[in-house]
């Protein structure tokens, strides 16, 4: 009996030490399903809880979402639980879900860490949004580019004495200026009746009816106001009106070489001086360092081609010509192609002297105009109408016909030294509203000048001891 009791004691001691060495397992909390159903309540072991753990570097780690009670009971997700899991997955994939998960699982994440993580992500989202708005609102500025100055005009500037010499016939006693000086000079008082005498001089000097009326209306108005009391004031008023008639939107003077090549087409009736003007311009342009080429578009007159070739030899520039009676358009087309290939600065193109009364010939001029545009976009860049100043009002009628058929960009008034009616320039420029580019006052190359309004008016209507008006 004592042996049995001792054995039991020994077994109890051994069992005690065995139980003491065995690791204790944590008790898993149990949850009781309180939902009303007919199934007996069972202990539910919770699955892994969905949480987003904020790490020290600001990143987050998501765990698998919890199973619903139905999933835990049956082992398979029901329709409601599937929808819940899908909604949970979509919410987790959006940028805003991370901060919401932190707040939803504050039982797992300390509140301070959740707030810090939410603030960091919110700040990063705002920063990206602000940068995007700033890029859309403030596009990068275009690269700065210096504006290139307008190219200077090309031509020989006129000096006052040379102009007065060229306009000598208009300045003598029988000329435009001489007759006005005889009318106004020496008067101690200027009476209103002088306006009628000035009108007679203007009309007889081919100034033209329209331009004369415009000038006289202002002169009469100044006389009525008492602004013209002496000879100097009358001359000043006449010079002012002459400058007004010669000013077309402030444009005048030589052409500018704004393209390469710059194509200049010269037109006008026979005998106006087109070919001679081309030769003089070629020599002046060449002396200024420009590479010049000439085109003999007057194919119907052999003498015109020979004359242009002679100028080419004198200046030292190439002349493009065709056969006798060749199509002028084809000759000028070939000339433009050669000018582009040779790197020419300016191409001066001659044309046949078309009488303004020949409609079919004017139509041919428009054909030439279109052909040049096909050979080079924008060509011709300048169309200069050459007018013989000695023709007076007849020259004005011719010029109107050319203006209707072509886009005339400037006038060249030749042979001003051969007429006493230099005032015709006022009527031509004012009547056509086309700026004067050049004027010719002699046979020499140096006698073709770039037109300057103030210098011309002073040379025509100024006293012998007066300078150019500012």
Protein backbone atom coordinates (compact mmCIF):
# COMPACT_ATOMS: atom_id res chain seq x y z
CA UNK A 1 0.00 0.00 0.00
CA UNK A 2 2.77 2.39 0.83
CA UNK A 3 4.43 1.46 -2.44
CA UNK A 4 1.39 2.49 -4.44
CA UNK A 5 1.12 5.79 -2.65
CA UNK A 6 4.78 6.54 -3.31
CA UNK A 7 4.43 5.70 -7.00
CA UNK A 8 1.50 8.05 -7.32
CA UNK A 9 3.48 10.83 -5.68
CA UNK A 10 6.41 10.28 -8.04
CA UNK A 11 4.14 10.34 -11.09
CA UNK A 12 2.52 13.53 -9.86
CA UNK A 13 5.90 15.20 -9.42
CA UNK A 14 7.00 14.11 -12.93
CA UNK A 15 3.75 15.36 -14.43
CA UNK A 16 4.18 18.68 -12.65
CA UNK A 17 7.65 19.24 -14.14
CA UNK A 18 6.48 18.16 -17.62
CA UNK A 19 3.62 20.63 -17.55
CA UNK A 20 5.93 23.37 -16.32
CA UNK A 21 8.42 22.90 -19.21
CA UNK A 22 5.69 22.81 -21.95
CA UNK A 23 5.26 26.32 -23.60
CA UNK A 24 2.00 27.96 -22.93
CA UNK A 25 -0.06 28.82 -26.02
CA UNK A 26 -1.92 32.13 -26.08
CA UNK A 27 -5.54 31.88 -25.71
CA UNK A 28 -7.41 32.88 -28.79
CA UNK A 29 -10.38 35.06 -28.05
CA UNK A 30 -13.65 33.70 -29.19
CA UNK A 31 -16.53 35.59 -30.65
CA UNK A 32 -20.07 34.55 -30.48
CA UNK A 33 -22.28 35.03 -33.52
CA UNK A 34 -25.29 36.91 -32.18
CA UNK A 35 -27.08 37.21 -35.49
CA UNK A 36 -30.52 35.64 -35.37
CA UNK A 37 -30.54 32.30 -37.15
CA UNK A 38 -31.57 28.74 -36.55
CA UNK A 39 -28.01 27.47 -36.52
CA UNK A 40 -26.51 26.92 -33.07
CA UNK A 41 -23.94 29.47 -32.09
CA UNK A 42 -20.36 28.55 -32.86
CA UNK A 43 -17.03 29.99 -31.89
CA UNK A 44 -15.61 32.14 -34.76
CA UNK A 45 -11.92 32.51 -35.24
CA UNK A 46 -11.19 35.92 -36.80
CA UNK A 47 -9.08 36.06 -39.95
CA UNK A 48 -6.25 38.49 -40.44
CA UNK A 49 -7.38 42.01 -39.84
CA UNK A 50 -7.03 44.49 -42.76
CA UNK A 51 -4.65 47.19 -41.73
CA UNK A 52 -2.14 49.59 -43.23
CA UNK A 53 1.00 49.75 -41.18
CA UNK A 54 2.84 53.06 -41.45
CA UNK A 55 6.56 52.55 -41.51
CA UNK A 56 9.22 55.03 -40.45
CA UNK A 57 10.09 55.99 -44.03
CA UNK A 58 6.49 57.04 -44.73
CA UNK A 59 5.53 53.97 -46.82
CA UNK A 60 2.56 51.74 -46.00
CA UNK A 61 1.95 47.97 -46.14
CA UNK A 62 -1.53 46.63 -46.69
CA UNK A 63 -2.70 43.28 -45.31
CA UNK A 64 -5.44 41.05 -46.59
CA UNK A 65 -9.04 42.17 -45.90
CA UNK A 66 -11.08 40.48 -43.15
CA UNK A 67 -13.57 37.78 -43.95
CA UNK A 68 -17.19 38.41 -43.16
CA UNK A 69 -19.08 36.32 -40.66
CA UNK A 70 -20.72 34.40 -43.47
CA UNK A 71 -17.36 33.47 -44.92
CA UNK A 72 -16.11 32.31 -41.58
CA UNK A 73 -19.15 30.16 -41.06
CA UNK A 74 -19.37 28.47 -44.44
CA UNK A 75 -15.80 28.73 -45.69
CA UNK A 76 -17.00 30.31 -48.98
CA UNK A 77 -17.76 33.98 -49.60
CA UNK A 78 -21.38 34.88 -50.07
CA UNK A 79 -22.69 37.42 -52.66
CA UNK A 80 -22.73 40.23 -50.07
CA UNK A 81 -19.25 39.46 -48.83
CA UNK A 82 -17.91 39.34 -52.42
CA UNK A 83 -19.29 42.80 -53.03
CA UNK A 84 -17.73 44.04 -49.81
CA UNK A 85 -14.35 42.63 -50.79
CA UNK A 86 -14.57 44.18 -54.27
CA UNK A 87 -15.47 47.57 -52.80
CA UNK A 88 -12.62 47.25 -50.33
CA UNK A 89 -10.14 46.43 -53.15
CA UNK A 90 -11.25 49.41 -55.24
CA UNK A 91 -10.99 51.72 -52.28
CA UNK A 92 -7.49 50.46 -51.53
CA UNK A 93 -6.35 51.16 -55.13
CA UNK A 94 -7.30 54.87 -55.09
CA UNK A 95 -4.84 57.57 -53.92
CA UNK A 96 -7.21 58.63 -51.14
CA UNK A 97 -7.59 55.10 -49.72
CA UNK A 98 -4.32 55.05 -47.79
CA UNK A 99 -5.29 57.87 -45.48
CA UNK A 100 -8.82 56.42 -45.08
CA UNK A 101 -7.38 52.99 -44.20
CA UNK A 102 -5.21 54.56 -41.54
CA UNK A 103 -8.25 56.19 -39.95
CA UNK A 104 -10.40 53.07 -40.32
CA UNK A 105 -7.82 50.91 -38.52
CA UNK A 106 -6.85 53.20 -35.70
CA UNK A 107 -7.13 50.23 -33.41
CA UNK A 108 -4.04 48.75 -35.06
CA UNK A 109 -2.08 51.98 -35.87
CA UNK A 110 -1.38 54.60 -33.23
CA UNK A 111 -3.33 57.83 -33.89
CA UNK A 112 -0.19 59.97 -34.15
CA UNK A 113 1.33 57.74 -36.85
CA UNK A 114 -1.94 57.70 -38.79
CA UNK A 115 -2.20 61.50 -38.69
CA UNK A 116 1.42 61.94 -39.79
CA UNK A 117 1.05 59.52 -42.71
CA UNK A 118 -2.19 61.20 -43.81
CA UNK A 119 -0.57 64.66 -43.66
CA UNK A 120 2.45 63.54 -45.70
CA UNK A 121 0.32 61.98 -48.46
CA UNK A 122 -2.04 64.98 -48.53
CA UNK A 123 0.92 67.37 -48.82
CA UNK A 124 2.45 65.31 -51.64
CA UNK A 125 -0.89 65.30 -53.51
CA UNK A 126 -1.27 69.07 -53.19
CA UNK A 127 2.32 69.64 -54.29
CA UNK A 128 1.83 67.58 -57.48
CA UNK A 129 -1.46 69.34 -58.21
CA UNK A 130 0.09 72.79 -57.72
CA UNK A 131 3.01 71.89 -59.98
CA UNK A 132 0.60 70.70 -62.71
CA UNK A 133 -1.48 73.89 -62.46
CA UNK A 134 1.65 76.03 -62.57
CA UNK A 135 2.90 74.25 -65.69
CA UNK A 136 -0.48 74.72 -67.42
CA UNK A 137 -0.86 78.36 -66.36
CA UNK A 138 2.72 79.41 -67.07
CA UNK A 139 4.06 77.85 -70.29
CA UNK A 140 7.76 78.27 -70.87
CA UNK A 141 8.54 81.57 -72.64
CA UNK A 142 9.71 81.38 -76.27
CA UNK A 143 13.40 81.81 -76.87
CA UNK A 144 14.39 85.44 -77.17
CA UNK A 145 15.19 86.56 -80.69
CA UNK A 146 16.71 89.86 -81.66
CA UNK A 147 14.70 91.78 -84.24
CA UNK A 148 16.68 92.36 -87.38
CA UNK A 149 16.62 95.98 -88.59
CA UNK A 150 14.90 96.81 -91.86
CA UNK A 151 17.29 96.72 -94.81
CA UNK A 152 18.40 100.18 -95.99
CA UNK A 153 17.20 101.53 -99.32
CA UNK A 154 19.55 101.35 -102.27
CA UNK A 155 20.27 104.34 -104.47
CA UNK A 156 22.24 107.55 -104.80
CA UNK A 157 21.20 110.33 -102.44
CA UNK A 158 20.58 113.73 -103.97
CA UNK A 159 22.29 116.91 -102.83
CA UNK A 160 20.49 120.23 -103.05
CA UNK A 161 22.76 121.89 -105.59
CA UNK A 162 22.64 118.92 -107.97
CA UNK A 163 18.86 118.88 -107.80
CA UNK A 164 18.63 122.61 -108.46
CA UNK A 165 20.91 122.19 -111.43
CA UNK A 166 18.75 119.36 -112.77
CA UNK A 167 15.58 121.42 -112.23
CA UNK A 168 17.09 124.57 -113.76
CA UNK A 169 14.43 124.85 -116.48
CA UNK A 170 11.64 124.74 -113.90
CA UNK A 171 13.42 127.35 -111.82
CA UNK A 172 14.06 129.90 -114.57
CA UNK A 173 11.75 132.80 -115.31
CA UNK A 174 9.54 130.75 -117.66
CA UNK A 175 9.36 127.71 -115.45
CA UNK A 176 7.11 126.67 -112.62
CA UNK A 177 9.14 128.24 -109.82
CA UNK A 178 10.11 131.28 -111.88
CA UNK A 179 6.49 132.19 -112.60
CA UNK A 180 5.47 131.83 -108.97
CA UNK A 181 8.40 133.97 -107.88
CA UNK A 182 7.37 136.68 -110.35
CA UNK A 183 3.85 136.53 -108.93
CA UNK A 184 4.64 136.54 -105.21
CA UNK A 185 8.04 138.22 -104.99
CA UNK A 186 8.28 141.88 -104.02
CA UNK A 187 4.77 142.17 -102.59
CA UNK A 188 4.52 144.10 -99.37
CA UNK A 189 0.99 142.86 -98.71
CA UNK A 190 -0.70 139.61 -99.69
CA UNK A 191 -4.34 140.06 -100.72
CA UNK A 192 -6.90 137.27 -101.23
CA UNK A 193 -6.90 137.86 -105.02
CA UNK A 194 -3.46 136.26 -105.25
CA UNK A 195 -5.09 132.81 -104.92
CA UNK A 196 -6.58 133.06 -108.41
CA UNK A 197 -3.19 133.94 -109.91
CA UNK A 198 -1.51 131.01 -108.12
CA UNK A 199 -4.21 128.72 -109.49
CA UNK A 200 -3.41 129.78 -113.06
CA UNK A 201 0.30 129.00 -112.60
CA UNK A 202 -0.42 125.58 -111.11
CA UNK A 203 -2.80 124.54 -113.87
CA UNK A 204 -0.50 125.70 -116.66
CA UNK A 205 2.38 123.78 -115.08
CA UNK A 206 0.52 120.44 -115.34
CA UNK A 207 -0.01 120.14 -111.63
CA UNK A 208 -3.51 118.87 -112.42
CA UNK A 209 -7.01 120.04 -111.59
CA UNK A 210 -7.56 117.87 -108.52
CA UNK A 211 -4.20 118.64 -106.92
CA UNK A 212 -4.54 122.35 -107.75
CA UNK A 213 -7.96 122.54 -106.08
CA UNK A 214 -6.64 120.79 -102.98
CA UNK A 215 -3.70 123.20 -102.67
CA UNK A 216 -5.82 126.31 -103.36
CA UNK A 217 -8.49 125.37 -100.80
CA UNK A 218 -5.90 125.42 -98.03
CA UNK A 219 -4.21 128.57 -99.36
CA UNK A 220 -7.55 130.41 -99.48
CA UNK A 221 -8.44 129.26 -95.98
CA UNK A 222 -5.11 130.55 -94.64
CA UNK A 223 -5.60 133.85 -96.46
CA UNK A 224 -9.08 134.24 -94.96
CA UNK A 225 -7.69 133.67 -91.47
CA UNK A 226 -4.97 136.23 -92.04
CA UNK A 227 -2.18 133.67 -91.61
CA UNK A 228 -0.44 134.64 -94.90
CA UNK A 229 0.62 138.24 -94.47
CA UNK A 230 3.93 138.33 -96.30
CA UNK A 231 5.95 136.68 -99.05
CA UNK A 232 7.82 134.24 -96.77
CA UNK A 233 4.61 132.91 -95.29
CA UNK A 234 3.14 132.26 -98.75
CA UNK A 235 6.25 130.37 -99.86
CA UNK A 236 6.21 128.33 -96.66
CA UNK A 237 2.55 127.44 -97.27
CA UNK A 238 3.27 126.40 -100.88
CA UNK A 239 6.19 124.20 -99.83
CA UNK A 240 4.05 122.58 -97.14
CA UNK A 241 1.30 121.78 -99.65
CA UNK A 242 3.84 120.41 -102.13
CA UNK A 243 5.26 118.06 -99.47
CA UNK A 244 1.73 116.96 -98.63
CA UNK A 245 1.00 116.13 -102.29
CA UNK A 246 4.23 114.14 -102.64
CA UNK A 247 3.78 112.15 -99.43
CA UNK A 248 1.96 108.85 -99.89
CA UNK A 249 1.52 107.32 -96.41
CA UNK A 250 5.02 108.50 -95.59
CA UNK A 251 6.56 106.27 -98.28
CA UNK A 252 9.14 107.48 -100.75
CA UNK A 253 12.75 106.90 -101.68
CA UNK A 254 14.71 103.97 -103.04
CA UNK A 255 13.70 100.33 -102.91
CA UNK A 256 14.90 97.93 -100.23
CA UNK A 257 16.42 94.56 -101.04
CA UNK A 258 14.40 92.46 -98.59
CA UNK A 259 14.62 89.18 -100.53
CA UNK A 260 17.31 87.20 -102.29
CA UNK A 261 16.95 87.68 -105.09
CA UNK A 262 14.80 90.81 -105.00
CA UNK A 263 12.98 90.89 -108.33
CA UNK A 264 12.30 94.39 -109.71
CA UNK A 265 10.07 94.69 -112.77
CA UNK A 266 10.20 97.94 -114.74
CA UNK A 267 7.23 98.88 -116.94
CA UNK A 268 6.22 101.88 -119.00
CA UNK A 269 5.52 103.09 -122.52
CA UNK A 270 8.10 103.22 -125.30
CA UNK A 271 10.58 106.04 -124.90
CA UNK A 272 10.00 106.62 -121.17
CA UNK A 273 13.54 105.50 -120.36
CA UNK A 274 13.09 102.01 -118.87
CA UNK A 275 16.25 100.42 -120.28
CA UNK A 276 18.42 103.42 -119.40
CA UNK A 277 16.98 103.48 -115.88
CA UNK A 278 17.78 99.75 -115.48
CA UNK A 279 21.39 100.37 -116.52
CA UNK A 280 21.79 103.27 -114.09
CA UNK A 281 20.26 101.32 -111.21
CA UNK A 282 22.48 98.32 -112.00
CA UNK A 283 25.60 100.46 -111.82
CA UNK A 284 24.57 102.09 -108.52
CA UNK A 285 23.61 98.75 -106.93
CA UNK A 286 26.87 97.16 -108.10
CA UNK A 287 28.91 100.00 -106.61
CA UNK A 288 27.16 99.46 -103.28
CA UNK A 289 28.39 95.85 -103.24
CA UNK A 290 25.28 94.09 -104.52
CA UNK A 291 25.35 91.25 -107.05
CA UNK A 292 23.13 92.29 -109.95
CA UNK A 293 21.57 90.41 -112.87
CA UNK A 294 19.61 91.87 -115.80
CA UNK A 295 16.75 90.25 -117.72
CA UNK A 296 15.94 91.36 -121.28
CA UNK A 297 12.16 90.95 -121.28
CA UNK A 298 11.64 93.32 -124.23
CA UNK A 299 12.00 90.56 -126.84
CA UNK A 300 10.10 92.42 -129.57
CA UNK A 301 12.71 95.14 -130.00
CA UNK A 302 16.21 93.91 -130.82
CA UNK A 303 17.70 97.32 -130.00
CA UNK A 304 16.43 97.04 -126.42
CA UNK A 305 18.22 93.70 -125.94
CA UNK A 306 21.46 95.06 -127.41
CA UNK A 307 21.21 98.18 -125.23
CA UNK A 308 20.74 96.08 -122.09
CA UNK A 309 23.69 93.83 -123.00
CA UNK A 310 25.84 96.95 -123.41
CA UNK A 311 24.88 98.05 -119.90
CA UNK A 312 25.70 94.56 -118.62
CA UNK A 313 29.20 94.76 -120.06
CA UNK A 314 29.72 98.24 -118.61
CA UNK A 315 28.53 97.26 -115.14
CA UNK A 316 30.02 93.76 -115.23
CA UNK A 317 26.82 91.79 -114.59
CA UNK A 318 25.15 88.89 -116.37
CA UNK A 319 22.28 89.52 -118.82
CA UNK A 320 19.65 86.83 -119.45
CA UNK A 321 18.03 87.11 -122.89
CA UNK A 322 16.11 84.94 -125.34
CA UNK A 323 15.68 84.72 -129.07
CA UNK A 324 14.01 87.46 -131.08
CA UNK A 325 10.24 87.53 -130.55
CA UNK A 326 10.53 84.94 -127.78
CA UNK A 327 7.88 84.75 -125.12
CA UNK A 328 8.81 87.43 -122.53
CA UNK A 329 7.32 85.34 -119.71
CA UNK A 330 9.63 82.39 -120.45
CA UNK A 331 12.69 84.65 -120.60
CA UNK A 332 11.90 86.20 -117.22
CA UNK A 333 11.11 82.77 -115.74
CA UNK A 334 14.56 81.50 -116.80
CA UNK A 335 16.16 84.68 -115.45
CA UNK A 336 14.69 84.09 -111.99
CA UNK A 337 15.95 80.51 -111.95
CA UNK A 338 19.45 81.69 -112.90
CA UNK A 339 19.33 84.42 -110.26
CA UNK A 340 18.45 81.89 -107.55
CA UNK A 341 21.20 79.51 -108.63
CA UNK A 342 23.82 82.28 -108.80
CA UNK A 343 23.02 83.88 -105.43
CA UNK A 344 22.08 87.22 -107.00
CA UNK A 345 20.94 90.07 -104.71
CA UNK A 346 18.74 91.90 -107.21
CA UNK A 347 17.28 91.01 -110.60
CA UNK A 348 16.26 93.99 -112.76
CA UNK A 349 13.78 92.92 -115.44
CA UNK A 350 13.06 94.96 -118.56
CA UNK A 351 9.72 94.75 -120.40
CA UNK A 352 8.43 95.88 -123.76
CA UNK A 353 7.07 99.42 -124.01
CA UNK A 354 3.37 98.86 -124.03
CA UNK A 355 1.05 101.61 -125.16
CA UNK A 356 -1.65 102.05 -122.56
CA UNK A 357 -4.34 102.08 -125.28
CA UNK A 358 -3.51 98.49 -126.38
CA UNK A 359 -5.67 96.30 -124.15
CA UNK A 360 -4.23 93.01 -125.39
CA UNK A 361 -0.71 94.16 -124.59
CA UNK A 362 -1.72 95.14 -121.07
CA UNK A 363 -3.18 91.65 -120.64
CA UNK A 364 0.20 90.24 -121.63
CA UNK A 365 1.79 92.28 -118.85
CA UNK A 366 -0.51 90.62 -116.33
CA UNK A 367 0.59 87.24 -117.72
CA UNK A 368 4.23 88.18 -117.07
CA UNK A 369 3.27 89.20 -113.54
CA UNK A 370 1.73 85.78 -112.82
CA UNK A 371 4.67 83.91 -114.36
CA UNK A 372 7.14 85.65 -112.07
CA UNK A 373 5.05 84.60 -109.07
CA UNK A 374 5.26 80.97 -110.17
CA UNK A 375 9.03 81.15 -110.60
CA UNK A 376 9.54 82.72 -107.15
CA UNK A 377 6.96 83.19 -104.44
CA UNK A 378 6.24 86.88 -103.89
CA UNK A 379 7.89 88.00 -107.13
CA UNK A 380 8.01 90.62 -108.43
CA UNK A 381 8.83 92.35 -105.16
CA UNK A 382 8.85 95.81 -106.76
CA UNK A 383 7.05 97.05 -109.86
CA UNK A 384 8.41 100.43 -110.92
CA UNK A 385 6.48 102.51 -113.45
CA UNK A 386 8.86 104.68 -115.48
CA UNK A 387 7.26 107.99 -116.56
CA UNK A 388 8.62 110.62 -118.91
CA UNK A 389 8.09 113.85 -116.96
CA UNK A 390 7.98 115.93 -120.13
CA UNK A 391 4.63 114.35 -121.06
CA UNK A 392 2.81 116.08 -118.21
CA UNK A 393 -0.87 115.18 -117.91
CA UNK A 394 -0.56 112.66 -120.74
CA UNK A 395 1.91 110.71 -118.60
CA UNK A 396 -0.64 110.74 -115.79
CA UNK A 397 -3.28 109.20 -118.07
CA UNK A 398 -0.83 106.46 -119.11
CA UNK A 399 0.08 105.75 -115.53
CA UNK A 400 -3.57 105.24 -114.54
CA UNK A 401 -3.90 102.47 -117.15
CA UNK A 402 -0.83 100.67 -115.81
CA UNK A 403 -2.07 101.02 -112.24
CA UNK A 404 -5.37 99.33 -113.12
CA UNK A 405 -3.58 96.36 -114.71
CA UNK A 406 -0.61 95.95 -112.34
CA UNK A 407 0.27 96.40 -108.70
CA UNK A 408 2.57 99.39 -109.10
CA UNK A 409 4.76 99.91 -106.03
CA UNK A 410 6.70 103.00 -107.09
CA UNK A 411 7.36 105.64 -109.73
CA UNK A 412 10.52 106.60 -111.57
CA UNK A 413 10.25 110.11 -113.03
CA UNK A 414 12.76 110.64 -115.83
CA UNK A 415 13.87 113.66 -117.89
CA UNK A 416 12.95 116.23 -115.25
CA UNK A 417 15.86 118.29 -116.57
CA UNK A 418 14.10 118.56 -119.93
CA UNK A 419 10.91 120.26 -118.77
CA UNK A 420 9.99 123.63 -117.30
CA UNK A 421 6.86 122.13 -115.76
CA UNK A 422 8.43 120.32 -112.84
CA UNK A 423 5.22 120.85 -110.90
CA UNK A 424 3.74 117.95 -112.88
CA UNK A 425 5.41 115.67 -110.34
CA UNK A 426 2.93 116.91 -107.72
CA UNK A 427 -0.07 116.01 -109.85
CA UNK A 428 1.29 112.58 -110.87
CA UNK A 429 2.14 111.48 -107.34
CA UNK A 430 -0.99 112.94 -105.75
CA UNK A 431 -3.29 111.66 -108.52
CA UNK A 432 -1.93 108.09 -108.48
CA UNK A 433 -1.21 107.83 -104.75
CA UNK A 434 1.98 105.93 -105.60
CA UNK A 435 5.30 106.93 -103.98
CA UNK A 436 8.14 108.26 -106.07
CA UNK A 437 11.25 106.04 -105.82
CA UNK A 438 13.74 107.68 -108.16
CA UNK A 439 14.03 110.79 -110.32
CA UNK A 440 16.25 111.36 -113.33
CA UNK A 441 17.65 114.85 -113.98
CA UNK A 442 20.34 114.11 -116.57
CA UNK A 443 21.97 111.58 -118.87
CA UNK A 444 24.77 110.46 -116.56
CA UNK A 445 24.47 107.52 -114.23
CA UNK A 446 24.98 109.91 -111.30
CA UNK A 447 21.94 111.91 -112.40
CA UNK A 448 19.49 109.24 -111.21
CA UNK A 449 18.66 110.02 -107.57
CA UNK A 450 16.80 108.31 -104.81
CA UNK A 451 13.79 110.53 -104.25
CA UNK A 452 13.69 112.70 -101.14
CA UNK A 453 10.52 114.75 -100.64
CA UNK A 454 12.01 117.62 -98.63
CA UNK A 455 15.07 117.94 -100.85
CA UNK A 456 12.98 117.94 -104.03
CA UNK A 457 10.50 120.55 -102.75
CA UNK A 458 13.33 122.78 -101.55
CA UNK A 459 15.13 122.44 -104.87
CA UNK A 460 11.92 123.27 -106.78
CA UNK A 461 10.33 125.98 -104.59
CA UNK A 462 13.12 127.15 -102.28
CA UNK A 463 15.24 130.29 -102.62
CA UNK A 464 18.78 130.14 -103.89
CA UNK A 465 20.28 130.77 -100.45
CA UNK A 466 18.04 128.38 -98.51
CA UNK A 467 18.86 124.94 -97.21
CA UNK A 468 16.78 121.78 -97.20
CA UNK A 469 13.80 122.08 -94.95
CA UNK A 470 13.73 119.73 -91.97
